[in-house]
Structures are given as structure tokens and as C-alpha cells.
Amino acid sequence: MMHTIRVDRVLRETVNTSYSDLVTRATGRAVRTSIRQTIAGLEGGTALLDFSSVGLVDFSCADEVVAQLLLEKTDDVIVVLGGLREDHTETIEHVLTHHALAVVVQESPDGCPRLLGLVDREAQEVFERLHAHGAADAETMGQHLGWDAERAQDALDTLVRLRLVRQEGLTFAPLPLP
């Protein structure tokens, strides 16, 4: 199940402000704490953090809101970002790369998701293949890409560790997205 969390709304409610810019570490920490509480009340699924009405995102807020939230391992809920502008993307990607993290970005409900952050080329290829063709096990994925099963398994394990795909038994599947 997909749960949308509007980051601008969380900002206004948490910091009691009328502006929509995510600036200062303290603001980012407060917003992350509020988002974390919302996620804790969910029972699995995917939480889409919607940045579409957010103005500026500085590095300290990107670190607090996105990177630190990902580092906290949000129980059974996987975090996905949406509504990112180019300036948001640059700032968030810099912070994710610094922490060796990655996140799925859903740019539009009918568009293909993409990865943002630090992901090697093989994991990127497997991610794209899963989204194009659906769930697969390592052997099937290896056959699709012309790799051995061990190489495909390594890439799939990386995607699971980074919480970019779901694993059920021996099968790996893309995240449920809008």
C-alpha cells in the first residue's frame, strides 16, 4: 500500500510556519521526527515523501529529512521520494552519495521510477529490468541480462539492502508505486 506524506504540510505543522523552505538542521530534524512518527503508525507498504510544494532544500535538511530517515530503517515501510525539482535532486543526491545510500524516485504516477544516490551500474540494470518486466528470482534475472545467477543475486541483494526492491522468499519485486 502507498501512503503519501506531503513534506510541505509536515513542515508547516511541525515548525508552525507559513513558508515552504526546508532550511537549517533543527528544522530538518523536527520534520524527520514528525515523518518518522507518521511512518511508525503505518503497517508496511511504501511511504511517498512528496516534495512537490517544497521550496528550497538545503544540505542540512536533505541530510536530516532524507538520509537520516533512510539510515533509521523505517520498519516495514519503504521510503520513496516524489515531486522533486532539479535543485532538490542535486542536493538530496549529494547527501545520499555521501552516506552511500540510495532511494527510489517516482517522478509521475505514469512514469518509470529511477534511483537517486549511490548505486552501482549492475544494481541499476537489475532495478530497471524489474520495473520493466516484473518480479524475478536471481536465476531468471541472470538469464534476462546474460549474467550468471551469482552476479544477478549480488545485484539483487544490494537492492534489498538499500531498500529499493522487496524480497519474498527467492523472488525480488519492484516496490508498489502509484
N, C-alpha and C. Protein backbone atom coordinates (compact mmCIF):
# COMPACT_ATOMS: atom_id res chain seq x y z
N MET A 1 0.84 -1.18 0.00
CA MET A 1 0.00 0.00 0.00
C MET A 1 0.89 1.25 0.00
N MET A 2 0.46 2.27 -0.73
CA MET A 2 1.20 3.52 -0.84
C MET A 2 0.57 4.58 0.09
N HIS A 3 1.41 5.20 0.88
CA HIS A 3 1.00 6.28 1.77
C HIS A 3 1.76 7.54 1.35
N THR A 4 1.04 8.63 1.07
CA THR A 4 1.69 9.86 0.66
C THR A 4 1.81 10.80 1.85
N ILE A 5 3.01 11.32 2.04
CA ILE A 5 3.27 12.30 3.11
C ILE A 5 3.74 13.57 2.43
N ARG A 6 2.95 14.62 2.52
CA ARG A 6 3.30 15.91 1.91
C ARG A 6 4.29 16.62 2.83
N VAL A 7 5.50 16.75 2.38
CA VAL A 7 6.58 17.30 3.20
C VAL A 7 6.31 18.77 3.54
N ASP A 8 5.74 19.54 2.61
CA ASP A 8 5.42 20.94 2.91
C ASP A 8 4.41 21.06 4.05
N ARG A 9 3.44 20.18 4.07
CA ARG A 9 2.43 20.19 5.13
C ARG A 9 3.06 19.81 6.48
N VAL A 10 3.92 18.80 6.47
CA VAL A 10 4.61 18.41 7.70
C VAL A 10 5.46 19.57 8.21
N LEU A 11 6.15 20.25 7.31
CA LEU A 11 6.97 21.40 7.68
C LEU A 11 6.13 22.47 8.35
N ARG A 12 5.01 22.84 7.72
CA ARG A 12 4.18 23.91 8.29
C ARG A 12 3.58 23.51 9.64
N GLU A 13 3.17 22.26 9.77
CA GLU A 13 2.57 21.81 11.03
C GLU A 13 3.60 21.63 12.13
N THR A 14 4.78 21.16 11.79
CA THR A 14 5.81 20.87 12.77
C THR A 14 6.50 22.12 13.28
N VAL A 15 6.84 23.00 12.36
CA VAL A 15 7.61 24.20 12.72
C VAL A 15 6.69 25.40 12.89
N ASN A 16 5.39 25.21 12.62
CA ASN A 16 4.41 26.27 12.75
C ASN A 16 4.83 27.51 11.97
N THR A 17 4.99 27.33 10.68
CA THR A 17 5.45 28.40 9.81
C THR A 17 4.61 28.43 8.54
N SER A 18 4.65 29.54 7.85
CA SER A 18 3.89 29.66 6.60
C SER A 18 4.77 29.43 5.38
N TYR A 19 6.09 29.35 5.57
CA TYR A 19 6.97 29.16 4.43
C TYR A 19 7.14 27.67 4.11
N SER A 20 7.68 27.40 2.93
CA SER A 20 7.81 26.00 2.49
C SER A 20 9.25 25.62 2.19
N ASP A 21 10.21 26.36 2.74
CA ASP A 21 11.62 26.05 2.53
C ASP A 21 12.14 25.18 3.65
N LEU A 22 12.86 24.12 3.29
CA LEU A 22 13.49 23.25 4.28
C LEU A 22 14.93 23.73 4.48
N VAL A 23 15.12 24.55 5.50
CA VAL A 23 16.44 25.09 5.81
C VAL A 23 16.70 24.96 7.31
N THR A 24 17.92 24.75 7.66
CA THR A 24 18.50 24.55 9.00
C THR A 24 18.36 23.10 9.45
N ARG A 25 19.36 22.65 10.12
CA ARG A 25 19.38 21.28 10.63
C ARG A 25 18.27 21.04 11.64
N ALA A 26 18.01 22.03 12.49
CA ALA A 26 16.95 21.88 13.50
C ALA A 26 15.58 21.69 12.84
N THR A 27 15.31 22.44 11.79
CA THR A 27 14.05 22.28 11.06
C THR A 27 13.98 20.89 10.44
N GLY A 28 15.06 20.47 9.80
CA GLY A 28 15.09 19.15 9.20
C GLY A 28 14.87 18.04 10.22
N ARG A 29 15.48 18.18 11.39
CA ARG A 29 15.33 17.17 12.44
C ARG A 29 13.87 17.11 12.91
N ALA A 30 13.25 18.27 13.07
CA ALA A 30 11.85 18.31 13.51
C ALA A 30 10.93 17.68 12.47
N VAL A 31 11.16 17.98 11.19
CA VAL A 31 10.35 17.41 10.12
C VAL A 31 10.55 15.89 10.05
N ARG A 32 11.81 15.44 10.15
CA ARG A 32 12.08 14.00 10.11
C ARG A 32 11.40 13.29 11.28
N THR A 33 11.45 13.88 12.47
CA THR A 33 10.82 13.27 13.63
C THR A 33 9.32 13.11 13.41
N SER A 34 8.69 14.12 12.84
CA SER A 34 7.26 14.05 12.56
C SER A 34 6.95 13.00 11.48
N ILE A 35 7.76 12.97 10.44
CA ILE A 35 7.58 11.95 9.39
C ILE A 35 7.77 10.56 9.99
N ARG A 36 8.78 10.41 10.82
CA ARG A 36 9.06 9.11 11.45
C ARG A 36 7.87 8.63 12.28
N GLN A 37 7.24 9.56 13.01
CA GLN A 37 6.06 9.21 13.80
C GLN A 37 4.90 8.77 12.90
N THR A 38 4.73 9.44 11.78
CA THR A 38 3.69 9.06 10.83
C THR A 38 3.97 7.67 10.28
N ILE A 39 5.21 7.42 9.89
CA ILE A 39 5.59 6.12 9.33
C ILE A 39 5.42 5.02 10.36
N ALA A 40 5.74 5.31 11.62
CA ALA A 40 5.60 4.30 12.68
C ALA A 40 4.15 3.85 12.83
N GLY A 41 3.20 4.70 12.47
CA GLY A 41 1.79 4.34 12.57
C GLY A 41 1.27 3.56 11.37
N LEU A 42 2.09 3.39 10.35
CA LEU A 42 1.68 2.65 9.17
C LEU A 42 2.00 1.17 9.35
N GLU A 43 1.28 0.34 8.66
CA GLU A 43 1.52 -1.09 8.73
C GLU A 43 2.07 -1.58 7.40
N GLY A 44 3.36 -1.36 7.20
CA GLY A 44 4.02 -1.82 5.98
C GLY A 44 3.70 -0.94 4.79
N GLY A 45 4.21 -1.35 3.65
CA GLY A 45 3.95 -0.62 2.42
C GLY A 45 5.05 0.36 2.07
N THR A 46 4.66 1.39 1.33
CA THR A 46 5.59 2.37 0.84
C THR A 46 5.10 3.76 1.25
N ALA A 47 6.02 4.59 1.75
CA ALA A 47 5.70 5.97 2.09
C ALA A 47 6.33 6.87 1.04
N LEU A 48 5.49 7.59 0.30
CA LEU A 48 5.96 8.53 -0.70
C LEU A 48 6.08 9.90 -0.04
N LEU A 49 7.32 10.40 0.08
CA LEU A 49 7.54 11.74 0.59
C LEU A 49 7.40 12.70 -0.59
N ASP A 50 6.33 13.48 -0.60
CA ASP A 50 6.01 14.36 -1.71
C ASP A 50 6.61 15.74 -1.47
N PHE A 51 7.61 16.09 -2.29
CA PHE A 51 8.31 17.37 -2.19
C PHE A 51 7.75 18.41 -3.17
N SER A 52 6.65 18.13 -3.85
CA SER A 52 6.18 18.98 -4.94
C SER A 52 5.87 20.42 -4.52
N SER A 53 5.52 20.66 -3.29
CA SER A 53 5.22 22.03 -2.84
C SER A 53 6.29 22.58 -1.91
N VAL A 54 7.45 21.94 -1.88
CA VAL A 54 8.57 22.41 -1.07
C VAL A 54 9.41 23.36 -1.89
N GLY A 55 9.81 24.48 -1.28
CA GLY A 55 10.69 25.43 -1.96
C GLY A 55 12.12 24.94 -1.92
N LEU A 56 12.96 25.66 -1.25
CA LEU A 56 14.38 25.34 -1.14
C LEU A 56 14.60 24.15 -0.19
N VAL A 57 15.55 23.29 -0.53
CA VAL A 57 16.01 22.23 0.37
C VAL A 57 17.51 22.40 0.51
N ASP A 58 17.97 22.77 1.72
CA ASP A 58 19.42 22.92 1.90
C ASP A 58 20.04 21.57 2.29
N PHE A 59 21.37 21.53 2.28
CA PHE A 59 22.08 20.26 2.54
C PHE A 59 21.77 19.70 3.92
N SER A 60 21.68 20.55 4.93
CA SER A 60 21.44 20.04 6.29
C SER A 60 20.04 19.43 6.39
N CYS A 61 19.05 20.02 5.74
CA CYS A 61 17.71 19.44 5.76
C CYS A 61 17.63 18.17 4.92
N ALA A 62 18.31 18.17 3.78
CA ALA A 62 18.35 16.94 2.98
C ALA A 62 18.95 15.80 3.79
N ASP A 63 19.99 16.12 4.55
CA ASP A 63 20.62 15.11 5.40
C ASP A 63 19.65 14.64 6.48
N GLU A 64 19.02 15.56 7.17
CA GLU A 64 18.12 15.21 8.27
C GLU A 64 16.85 14.52 7.80
N VAL A 65 16.22 15.06 6.78
CA VAL A 65 14.91 14.55 6.36
C VAL A 65 15.04 13.26 5.55
N VAL A 66 15.99 13.21 4.63
CA VAL A 66 16.07 12.04 3.74
C VAL A 66 17.11 11.04 4.24
N ALA A 67 18.37 11.44 4.32
CA ALA A 67 19.43 10.49 4.66
C ALA A 67 19.24 9.87 6.04
N GLN A 68 18.99 10.69 7.03
CA GLN A 68 18.84 10.15 8.39
C GLN A 68 17.61 9.26 8.51
N LEU A 69 16.54 9.61 7.80
CA LEU A 69 15.35 8.76 7.80
C LEU A 69 15.66 7.40 7.18
N LEU A 70 16.40 7.40 6.08
CA LEU A 70 16.78 6.13 5.45
C LEU A 70 17.71 5.32 6.35
N LEU A 71 18.59 6.01 7.05
CA LEU A 71 19.51 5.30 7.95
C LEU A 71 18.79 4.69 9.14
N GLU A 72 17.65 5.23 9.51
CA GLU A 72 16.87 4.72 10.65
C GLU A 72 16.15 3.41 10.36
N LYS A 73 16.14 2.96 9.12
CA LYS A 73 15.44 1.72 8.75
C LYS A 73 14.00 1.77 9.25
N THR A 74 13.13 2.31 8.45
CA THR A 74 11.76 2.61 8.81
C THR A 74 10.86 1.37 8.89
N ASP A 75 11.20 0.44 9.75
CA ASP A 75 10.39 -0.76 9.97
C ASP A 75 10.03 -1.45 8.66
N ASP A 76 8.76 -1.73 8.46
CA ASP A 76 8.30 -2.42 7.25
C ASP A 76 7.94 -1.46 6.13
N VAL A 77 8.11 -0.17 6.37
CA VAL A 77 7.75 0.84 5.38
C VAL A 77 9.00 1.27 4.61
N ILE A 78 8.89 1.28 3.29
CA ILE A 78 9.99 1.72 2.44
C ILE A 78 9.70 3.14 1.98
N VAL A 79 10.70 4.00 2.04
CA VAL A 79 10.55 5.40 1.68
C VAL A 79 10.89 5.61 0.21
N VAL A 80 10.02 6.35 -0.48
CA VAL A 80 10.17 6.74 -1.88
C VAL A 80 9.99 8.25 -1.92
N LEU A 81 10.71 8.91 -2.83
CA LEU A 81 10.57 10.36 -2.97
C LEU A 81 9.80 10.69 -4.23
N GLY A 82 9.04 11.77 -4.18
CA GLY A 82 8.30 12.24 -5.34
C GLY A 82 8.24 13.75 -5.36
N GLY A 83 7.90 14.31 -6.50
CA GLY A 83 7.74 15.75 -6.62
C GLY A 83 9.03 16.54 -6.53
N LEU A 84 10.15 15.90 -6.87
CA LEU A 84 11.45 16.59 -6.77
C LEU A 84 11.70 17.48 -7.98
N ARG A 85 12.18 18.68 -7.69
CA ARG A 85 12.67 19.56 -8.75
C ARG A 85 14.16 19.28 -8.93
N GLU A 86 14.74 19.85 -9.97
CA GLU A 86 16.15 19.61 -10.25
C GLU A 86 17.05 20.04 -9.09
N ASP A 87 16.76 21.19 -8.47
CA ASP A 87 17.59 21.65 -7.35
C ASP A 87 17.45 20.73 -6.15
N HIS A 88 16.24 20.21 -5.89
CA HIS A 88 16.05 19.23 -4.81
C HIS A 88 16.90 17.99 -5.09
N THR A 89 16.81 17.51 -6.33
CA THR A 89 17.51 16.29 -6.74
C THR A 89 19.01 16.42 -6.51
N GLU A 90 19.58 17.53 -6.93
CA GLU A 90 21.03 17.73 -6.78
C GLU A 90 21.45 17.71 -5.31
N THR A 91 20.70 18.42 -4.48
CA THR A 91 21.03 18.48 -3.05
C THR A 91 20.87 17.12 -2.38
N ILE A 92 19.76 16.47 -2.62
CA ILE A 92 19.49 15.17 -1.99
C ILE A 92 20.48 14.12 -2.50
N GLU A 93 20.78 14.12 -3.78
CA GLU A 93 21.72 13.14 -4.31
C GLU A 93 23.11 13.31 -3.69
N HIS A 94 23.54 14.54 -3.50
CA HIS A 94 24.84 14.79 -2.87
C HIS A 94 24.88 14.17 -1.47
N VAL A 95 23.84 14.37 -0.70
CA VAL A 95 23.78 13.85 0.67
C VAL A 95 23.70 12.32 0.67
N LEU A 96 22.89 11.76 -0.21
CA LEU A 96 22.77 10.29 -0.28
C LEU A 96 24.10 9.66 -0.67
N THR A 97 24.78 10.25 -1.63
CA THR A 97 26.07 9.72 -2.07
C THR A 97 27.07 9.76 -0.93
N HIS A 98 27.06 10.84 -0.17
CA HIS A 98 27.96 10.97 0.98
C HIS A 98 27.75 9.84 1.99
N HIS A 99 26.51 9.42 2.17
CA HIS A 99 26.17 8.36 3.13
C HIS A 99 26.12 6.97 2.50
N ALA A 100 26.45 6.85 1.21
CA ALA A 100 26.37 5.58 0.47
C ALA A 100 24.95 5.00 0.54
N LEU A 101 23.96 5.87 0.31
CA LEU A 101 22.56 5.49 0.32
C LEU A 101 21.95 5.74 -1.05
N ALA A 102 20.78 5.16 -1.26
CA ALA A 102 20.02 5.40 -2.48
C ALA A 102 18.54 5.33 -2.13
N VAL A 103 17.74 5.93 -2.99
CA VAL A 103 16.29 5.93 -2.79
C VAL A 103 15.62 5.88 -4.15
N VAL A 104 14.40 5.35 -4.18
CA VAL A 104 13.60 5.33 -5.40
C VAL A 104 12.90 6.67 -5.52
N VAL A 105 12.92 7.23 -6.73
CA VAL A 105 12.21 8.47 -7.02
C VAL A 105 11.11 8.16 -8.02
N GLN A 106 9.90 8.55 -7.68
CA GLN A 106 8.75 8.40 -8.57
C GLN A 106 8.39 9.80 -9.04
N GLU A 107 8.72 10.11 -10.29
CA GLU A 107 8.52 11.47 -10.79
C GLU A 107 7.08 11.75 -11.20
N SER A 108 6.38 10.75 -11.68
CA SER A 108 4.96 10.91 -12.01
C SER A 108 4.30 9.55 -11.90
N PRO A 109 2.99 9.53 -11.63
CA PRO A 109 2.31 8.25 -11.46
C PRO A 109 2.43 7.32 -12.67
N ASP A 110 2.56 7.87 -13.86
CA ASP A 110 2.64 7.01 -15.05
C ASP A 110 4.07 6.84 -15.56
N GLY A 111 5.04 7.46 -14.88
CA GLY A 111 6.43 7.37 -15.33
C GLY A 111 7.18 6.23 -14.65
N CYS A 112 8.31 5.89 -15.21
CA CYS A 112 9.16 4.85 -14.63
C CYS A 112 9.92 5.44 -13.44
N PRO A 113 10.00 4.70 -12.35
CA PRO A 113 10.79 5.17 -11.22
C PRO A 113 12.28 5.12 -11.57
N ARG A 114 13.06 5.88 -10.84
CA ARG A 114 14.51 5.87 -11.03
C ARG A 114 15.17 5.89 -9.67
N LEU A 115 16.46 5.62 -9.67
CA LEU A 115 17.22 5.60 -8.43
C LEU A 115 18.01 6.90 -8.30
N LEU A 116 18.11 7.36 -7.06
CA LEU A 116 18.87 8.56 -6.75
C LEU A 116 19.83 8.19 -5.62
N GLY A 117 21.09 8.53 -5.78
CA GLY A 117 22.08 8.23 -4.76
C GLY A 117 23.17 7.33 -5.30
N LEU A 118 23.77 6.57 -4.42
CA LEU A 118 24.92 5.75 -4.77
C LEU A 118 24.50 4.30 -5.03
N VAL A 119 24.45 3.94 -6.32
CA VAL A 119 24.09 2.59 -6.74
C VAL A 119 25.00 2.20 -7.90
N ASP A 120 25.59 1.01 -7.83
CA ASP A 120 26.47 0.60 -8.92
C ASP A 120 25.65 0.27 -10.17
N ARG A 121 26.34 0.20 -11.29
CA ARG A 121 25.69 0.01 -12.59
C ARG A 121 24.91 -1.30 -12.68
N GLU A 122 25.44 -2.37 -12.09
CA GLU A 122 24.75 -3.66 -12.15
C GLU A 122 23.43 -3.61 -11.39
N ALA A 123 23.45 -3.03 -10.19
CA ALA A 123 22.21 -2.90 -9.42
C ALA A 123 21.21 -2.02 -10.17
N GLN A 124 21.71 -0.97 -10.81
CA GLN A 124 20.84 -0.08 -11.61
C GLN A 124 20.18 -0.87 -12.75
N GLU A 125 20.95 -1.71 -13.44
CA GLU A 125 20.40 -2.52 -14.54
C GLU A 125 19.32 -3.47 -14.05
N VAL A 126 19.58 -4.11 -12.91
CA VAL A 126 18.61 -5.06 -12.35
C VAL A 126 17.34 -4.31 -11.93
N PHE A 127 17.50 -3.15 -11.30
CA PHE A 127 16.35 -2.33 -10.89
C PHE A 127 15.48 -2.00 -12.11
N GLU A 128 16.11 -1.53 -13.16
CA GLU A 128 15.38 -1.16 -14.38
C GLU A 128 14.67 -2.38 -14.98
N ARG A 129 15.34 -3.51 -14.97
CA ARG A 129 14.76 -4.74 -15.52
C ARG A 129 13.54 -5.18 -14.71
N LEU A 130 13.63 -5.11 -13.38
CA LEU A 130 12.50 -5.48 -12.54
C LEU A 130 11.30 -4.58 -12.82
N HIS A 131 11.54 -3.30 -13.00
CA HIS A 131 10.43 -2.38 -13.25
C HIS A 131 9.85 -2.53 -14.65
N ALA A 132 10.66 -2.97 -15.58
CA ALA A 132 10.17 -3.17 -16.94
C ALA A 132 9.42 -4.49 -17.09
N HIS A 133 9.87 -5.55 -16.37
CA HIS A 133 9.35 -6.89 -16.62
C HIS A 133 8.73 -7.58 -15.40
N GLY A 134 8.80 -6.97 -14.22
CA GLY A 134 8.18 -7.57 -13.05
C GLY A 134 9.12 -8.45 -12.24
N ALA A 135 8.56 -9.06 -11.22
CA ALA A 135 9.31 -9.85 -10.25
C ALA A 135 10.08 -11.00 -10.91
N ALA A 136 11.21 -11.33 -10.29
CA ALA A 136 12.04 -12.43 -10.80
C ALA A 136 12.94 -12.94 -9.69
N ASP A 137 13.41 -14.17 -9.85
CA ASP A 137 14.44 -14.68 -8.96
C ASP A 137 15.80 -14.42 -9.60
N ALA A 138 16.87 -14.73 -8.89
CA ALA A 138 18.23 -14.43 -9.38
C ALA A 138 18.55 -15.17 -10.67
N GLU A 139 18.13 -16.43 -10.76
CA GLU A 139 18.43 -17.20 -11.96
C GLU A 139 17.74 -16.60 -13.19
N THR A 140 16.47 -16.27 -13.05
CA THR A 140 15.72 -15.67 -14.15
C THR A 140 16.30 -14.30 -14.52
N MET A 141 16.64 -13.50 -13.51
CA MET A 141 17.23 -12.19 -13.77
C MET A 141 18.55 -12.34 -14.51
N GLY A 142 19.37 -13.29 -14.08
CA GLY A 142 20.64 -13.54 -14.76
C GLY A 142 20.43 -13.91 -16.21
N GLN A 143 19.43 -14.75 -16.48
CA GLN A 143 19.15 -15.15 -17.87
C GLN A 143 18.73 -13.94 -18.70
N HIS A 144 17.88 -13.06 -18.12
CA HIS A 144 17.42 -11.87 -18.84
C HIS A 144 18.59 -10.96 -19.21
N LEU A 145 19.59 -10.88 -18.33
CA LEU A 145 20.70 -9.94 -18.54
C LEU A 145 21.94 -10.60 -19.14
N GLY A 146 21.90 -11.91 -19.32
CA GLY A 146 23.06 -12.61 -19.84
C GLY A 146 24.17 -12.76 -18.81
N TRP A 147 23.78 -12.83 -17.53
CA TRP A 147 24.72 -12.97 -16.42
C TRP A 147 24.53 -14.33 -15.78
N ASP A 148 25.51 -14.73 -14.96
CA ASP A 148 25.27 -15.93 -14.16
C ASP A 148 24.39 -15.54 -12.96
N ALA A 149 23.79 -16.55 -12.34
CA ALA A 149 22.85 -16.31 -11.24
C ALA A 149 23.52 -15.62 -10.06
N GLU A 150 24.80 -15.93 -9.80
CA GLU A 150 25.50 -15.32 -8.67
C GLU A 150 25.65 -13.81 -8.85
N ARG A 151 25.99 -13.39 -10.05
CA ARG A 151 26.13 -11.95 -10.34
C ARG A 151 24.78 -11.24 -10.17
N ALA A 152 23.72 -11.84 -10.67
CA ALA A 152 22.38 -11.28 -10.52
C ALA A 152 21.97 -11.24 -9.04
N GLN A 153 22.29 -12.31 -8.30
CA GLN A 153 21.96 -12.36 -6.87
C GLN A 153 22.67 -11.24 -6.11
N ASP A 154 23.93 -10.98 -6.42
CA ASP A 154 24.67 -9.90 -5.77
C ASP A 154 23.99 -8.55 -5.99
N ALA A 155 23.58 -8.29 -7.23
CA ALA A 155 22.90 -7.02 -7.53
C ALA A 155 21.55 -6.94 -6.82
N LEU A 156 20.82 -8.04 -6.82
CA LEU A 156 19.53 -8.07 -6.12
C LEU A 156 19.70 -7.86 -4.62
N ASP A 157 20.71 -8.49 -4.04
CA ASP A 157 20.99 -8.31 -2.61
C ASP A 157 21.32 -6.86 -2.28
N THR A 158 22.05 -6.20 -3.17
CA THR A 158 22.36 -4.78 -2.98
C THR A 158 21.07 -3.96 -2.97
N LEU A 159 20.18 -4.23 -3.90
CA LEU A 159 18.91 -3.50 -3.97
C LEU A 159 18.06 -3.73 -2.73
N VAL A 160 18.05 -4.95 -2.21
CA VAL A 160 17.29 -5.24 -1.00
C VAL A 160 17.92 -4.53 0.20
N ARG A 161 19.24 -4.59 0.31
CA ARG A 161 19.94 -3.94 1.43
C ARG A 161 19.66 -2.45 1.46
N LEU A 162 19.59 -1.84 0.28
CA LEU A 162 19.31 -0.41 0.19
C LEU A 162 17.81 -0.10 0.24
N ARG A 163 16.98 -1.13 0.35
CA ARG A 163 15.53 -0.99 0.44
C ARG A 163 14.93 -0.36 -0.81
N LEU A 164 15.40 -0.84 -1.97
CA LEU A 164 14.96 -0.32 -3.26
C LEU A 164 14.04 -1.29 -4.00
N VAL A 165 14.00 -2.53 -3.54
CA VAL A 165 13.08 -3.55 -4.04
C VAL A 165 12.66 -4.40 -2.84
N ARG A 166 11.63 -5.18 -3.04
CA ARG A 166 11.16 -6.09 -1.98
C ARG A 166 11.55 -7.52 -2.32
N GLN A 167 11.82 -8.30 -1.28
CA GLN A 167 12.14 -9.71 -1.46
C GLN A 167 11.12 -10.54 -0.70
N GLU A 168 10.58 -11.54 -1.40
CA GLU A 168 9.68 -12.51 -0.79
C GLU A 168 10.20 -13.88 -1.16
N GLY A 169 10.82 -14.55 -0.20
CA GLY A 169 11.44 -15.84 -0.48
C GLY A 169 12.60 -15.64 -1.45
N LEU A 170 12.57 -16.33 -2.57
CA LEU A 170 13.62 -16.22 -3.58
C LEU A 170 13.28 -15.23 -4.69
N THR A 171 12.12 -14.59 -4.57
CA THR A 171 11.65 -13.68 -5.61
C THR A 171 11.86 -12.22 -5.18
N PHE A 172 12.26 -11.40 -6.13
CA PHE A 172 12.50 -9.98 -5.91
C PHE A 172 11.51 -9.19 -6.76
N ALA A 173 10.91 -8.17 -6.18
CA ALA A 173 9.86 -7.43 -6.88
C ALA A 173 10.07 -5.93 -6.73
N PRO A 174 9.62 -5.16 -7.72
CA PRO A 174 9.66 -3.71 -7.58
C PRO A 174 8.73 -3.26 -6.46
N LEU A 175 9.00 -2.07 -5.95
CA LEU A 175 8.15 -1.51 -4.90
C LEU A 175 6.77 -1.16 -5.47
N PRO A 176 5.74 -1.26 -4.65
CA PRO A 176 4.42 -0.81 -5.10
C PRO A 176 4.44 0.72 -5.17
N LEU A 177 4.19 1.26 -6.35
CA LEU A 177 4.21 2.70 -6.56
C LEU A 177 2.87 3.15 -7.13
N PRO A 178 2.58 4.45 -7.00
CA PRO A 178 1.29 4.93 -7.53
C PRO A 178 1.25 4.83 -9.05
